[in-house]
Each structure stands twice: as C-alpha cells, then as structure tokens.
Amino acid sequence: MAGMTDQRRLVLASASPARLGLLRQAGFAPEVIVSGVD
C-alpha cells in the first residue's frame, strides 16, 4: 500500500553484547528487553 511505513520491531530478549552486535552488523536495530529468565 502506498504511503504506509513498516512498523515492525525486533526485540532481543537477551543482554548478550555479542548477539546485539551481530544483529547491528546485519543492519537491524533491535530493542533490547531482557526477559529475566535463565
């Protein structure tokens, strides 16, 4: 549909700096929300 923007978001439920870095290198901008579950 013309004029619509993509409103999806990527949530990373991990505090891992390595995972965050890999996603950023791949062009993603994840929102980090740590789940608190091990």
PDB file of N, CA and C in Angstrom:
ATOM      1  N   MET A   1       0.840  -1.171   0.000  1.00  0.00           N
ATOM      2  CA  MET A   1       0.000   0.000   0.000  1.00  0.00           C
ATOM      3  C   MET A   1       0.889   1.240   0.000  1.00  0.00           C
ATOM      4  N   ALA A   2       0.608   2.128  -0.856  1.00  0.00           N
ATOM      5  CA  ALA A   2       1.410   3.336  -0.987  1.00  0.00           C
ATOM      6  C   ALA A   2       1.274   4.218   0.243  1.00  0.00           C
ATOM      7  N   GLY A   3       2.399   4.777   0.667  1.00  0.00           N
ATOM      8  CA  GLY A   3       2.383   5.713   1.785  1.00  0.00           C
ATOM      9  C   GLY A   3       2.444   5.080   3.160  1.00  0.00           C
ATOM     10  N   MET A   4       2.424   3.763   3.235  1.00  0.00           N
ATOM     11  CA  MET A   4       2.474   3.110   4.540  1.00  0.00           C
ATOM     12  C   MET A   4       3.920   2.789   4.892  1.00  0.00           C
ATOM     13  N   THR A   5       4.256   2.909   6.150  1.00  0.00           N
ATOM     14  CA  THR A   5       5.601   2.567   6.603  1.00  0.00           C
ATOM     15  C   THR A   5       5.562   1.252   7.358  1.00  0.00           C
ATOM     16  N   ASP A   6       6.685   0.578   7.389  1.00  0.00           N
ATOM     17  CA  ASP A   6       6.803  -0.696   8.091  1.00  0.00           C
ATOM     18  C   ASP A   6       6.971  -0.418   9.580  1.00  0.00           C
ATOM     19  N   GLN A   7       6.043  -0.847  10.406  1.00  0.00           N
ATOM     20  CA  GLN A   7       6.057  -0.557  11.836  1.00  0.00           C
ATOM     21  C   GLN A   7       6.526  -1.741  12.677  1.00  0.00           C
ATOM     22  N   ARG A   8       7.086  -2.762  12.059  1.00  0.00           N
ATOM     23  CA  ARG A   8       7.553  -3.918  12.824  1.00  0.00           C
ATOM     24  C   ARG A   8       8.788  -3.549  13.632  1.00  0.00           C
ATOM     25  N   ARG A   9       8.984  -4.254  14.739  1.00  0.00           N
ATOM     26  CA  ARG A   9      10.180  -4.040  15.545  1.00  0.00           C
ATOM     27  C   ARG A   9      10.777  -5.390  15.900  1.00  0.00           C
ATOM     28  N   LEU A  10      12.066  -5.379  16.131  1.00  0.00           N
ATOM     29  CA  LEU A  10      12.779  -6.588  16.510  1.00  0.00           C
ATOM     30  C   LEU A  10      13.154  -6.455  17.975  1.00  0.00           C
ATOM     31  N   VAL A  11      12.711  -7.404  18.794  1.00  0.00           N
ATOM     32  CA  VAL A  11      13.013  -7.389  20.222  1.00  0.00           C
ATOM     33  C   VAL A  11      14.038  -8.474  20.510  1.00  0.00           C
ATOM     34  N   LEU A  12      15.141  -8.082  21.123  1.00  0.00           N
ATOM     35  CA  LEU A  12      16.173  -9.016  21.555  1.00  0.00           C
ATOM     36  C   LEU A  12      15.984  -9.225  23.052  1.00  0.00           C
ATOM     37  N   ALA A  13      15.579 -10.426  23.448  1.00  0.00           N
ATOM     38  CA  ALA A  13      15.323 -10.729  24.861  1.00  0.00           C
ATOM     39  C   ALA A  13      16.574 -11.314  25.503  1.00  0.00           C
ATOM     40  N   SER A  14      17.695 -10.671  25.247  1.00  0.00           N
ATOM     41  CA  SER A  14      18.984 -11.142  25.746  1.00  0.00           C
ATOM     42  C   SER A  14      19.868  -9.934  26.022  1.00  0.00           C
ATOM     43  N   ALA A  15      20.663 -10.014  27.080  1.00  0.00           N
ATOM     44  CA  ALA A  15      21.599  -8.937  27.400  1.00  0.00           C
ATOM     45  C   ALA A  15      22.965  -9.188  26.767  1.00  0.00           C
ATOM     46  N   SER A  16      23.058 -10.142  25.874  1.00  0.00           N
ATOM     47  CA  SER A  16      24.328 -10.515  25.258  1.00  0.00           C
ATOM     48  C   SER A  16      24.832  -9.432  24.300  1.00  0.00           C
ATOM     49  N   PRO A  17      25.977  -8.823  24.622  1.00  0.00           N
ATOM     50  CA  PRO A  17      26.539  -7.817  23.717  1.00  0.00           C
ATOM     51  C   PRO A  17      26.924  -8.417  22.361  1.00  0.00           C
ATOM     52  N   ALA A  18      27.317  -9.688  22.350  1.00  0.00           N
ATOM     53  CA  ALA A  18      27.693 -10.338  21.090  1.00  0.00           C
ATOM     54  C   ALA A  18      26.483 -10.468  20.165  1.00  0.00           C
ATOM     55  N   ARG A  19      25.359 -10.891  20.699  1.00  0.00           N
ATOM     56  CA  ARG A  19      24.143 -11.027  19.879  1.00  0.00           C
ATOM     57  C   ARG A  19      23.688  -9.668  19.361  1.00  0.00           C
ATOM     58  N   LEU A  20      23.717  -8.670  20.230  1.00  0.00           N
ATOM     59  CA  LEU A  20      23.323  -7.325  19.826  1.00  0.00           C
ATOM     60  C   LEU A  20      24.244  -6.817  18.719  1.00  0.00           C
ATOM     61  N   GLY A  21      25.532  -7.027  18.881  1.00  0.00           N
ATOM     62  CA  GLY A  21      26.493  -6.589  17.879  1.00  0.00           C
ATOM     63  C   GLY A  21      26.282  -7.259  16.533  1.00  0.00           C
ATOM     64  N   LEU A  22      26.020  -8.558  16.550  1.00  0.00           N
ATOM     65  CA  LEU A  22      25.778  -9.286  15.303  1.00  0.00           C
ATOM     66  C   LEU A  22      24.539  -8.766  14.576  1.00  0.00           C
ATOM     67  N   LEU A  23      23.482  -8.520  15.334  1.00  0.00           N
ATOM     68  CA  LEU A  23      22.262  -8.002  14.714  1.00  0.00           C
ATOM     69  C   LEU A  23      22.483  -6.614  14.132  1.00  0.00           C
ATOM     70  N   ARG A  24      23.217  -5.772  14.846  1.00  0.00           N
ATOM     71  CA  ARG A  24      23.508  -4.425  14.336  1.00  0.00           C
ATOM     72  C   ARG A  24      24.378  -4.484  13.086  1.00  0.00           C
ATOM     73  N   GLN A  25      25.354  -5.383  13.076  1.00  0.00           N
ATOM     74  CA  GLN A  25      26.207  -5.540  11.891  1.00  0.00           C
ATOM     75  C   GLN A  25      25.398  -6.005  10.686  1.00  0.00           C
ATOM     76  N   ALA A  26      24.342  -6.755  10.941  1.00  0.00           N
ATOM     77  CA  ALA A  26      23.482  -7.253   9.867  1.00  0.00           C
ATOM     78  C   ALA A  26      22.466  -6.206   9.409  1.00  0.00           C
ATOM     79  N   GLY A  27      22.480  -5.025  10.037  1.00  0.00           N
ATOM     80  CA  GLY A  27      21.599  -3.954   9.611  1.00  0.00           C
ATOM     81  C   GLY A  27      20.312  -3.813  10.390  1.00  0.00           C
ATOM     82  N   PHE A  28      20.188  -4.534  11.487  1.00  0.00           N
ATOM     83  CA  PHE A  28      18.990  -4.442  12.319  1.00  0.00           C
ATOM     84  C   PHE A  28      19.216  -3.469  13.470  1.00  0.00           C
ATOM     85  N   ALA A  29      18.139  -2.942  14.005  1.00  0.00           N
ATOM     86  CA  ALA A  29      18.206  -2.066  15.168  1.00  0.00           C
ATOM     87  C   ALA A  29      17.272  -2.636  16.237  1.00  0.00           C
ATOM     88  N   PRO A  30      17.710  -3.699  16.914  1.00  0.00           N
ATOM     89  CA  PRO A  30      16.816  -4.355  17.875  1.00  0.00           C
ATOM     90  C   PRO A  30      16.592  -3.532  19.134  1.00  0.00           C
ATOM     91  N   GLU A  31      15.426  -3.723  19.712  1.00  0.00           N
ATOM     92  CA  GLU A  31      15.115  -3.159  21.025  1.00  0.00           C
ATOM     93  C   GLU A  31      15.451  -4.254  22.034  1.00  0.00           C
ATOM     94  N   VAL A  32      16.280  -3.929  23.012  1.00  0.00           N
ATOM     95  CA  VAL A  32      16.701  -4.926  23.997  1.00  0.00           C
ATOM     96  C   VAL A  32      15.755  -4.885  25.188  1.00  0.00           C
ATOM     97  N   ILE A  33      15.070  -5.990  25.430  1.00  0.00           N
ATOM     98  CA  ILE A  33      14.191  -6.150  26.588  1.00  0.00           C
ATOM     99  C   ILE A  33      14.564  -7.483  27.222  1.00  0.00           C
ATOM    100  N   VAL A  34      15.336  -7.423  28.288  1.00  0.00           N
ATOM    101  CA  VAL A  34      15.826  -8.644  28.931  1.00  0.00           C
ATOM    102  C   VAL A  34      14.677  -9.338  29.643  1.00  0.00           C
ATOM    103  N   SER A  35      14.543 -10.629  29.396  1.00  0.00           N
ATOM    104  CA  SER A  35      13.409 -11.396  29.916  1.00  0.00           C
ATOM    105  C   SER A  35      13.503 -11.693  31.406  1.00  0.00           C
ATOM    106  N   GLY A  36      14.714 -11.773  31.946  1.00  0.00           N
ATOM    107  CA  GLY A  36      14.878 -12.096  33.353  1.00  0.00           C
ATOM    108  C   GLY A  36      14.773 -13.582  33.642  1.00  0.00           C
ATOM    109  N   VAL A  37      14.722 -14.413  32.600  1.00  0.00           N
ATOM    110  CA  VAL A  37      14.631 -15.860  32.745  1.00  0.00           C
ATOM    111  C   VAL A  37      15.935 -16.473  32.269  1.00  0.00           C
ATOM    112  N   ASP A  38      16.496 -17.387  33.064  1.00  0.00           N
ATOM    113  CA  ASP A  38      17.728 -18.066  32.658  1.00  0.00           C
ATOM    114  C   ASP A  38      17.435 -19.376  31.996  1.00  0.00           C
TER     115      ASP A  38
END
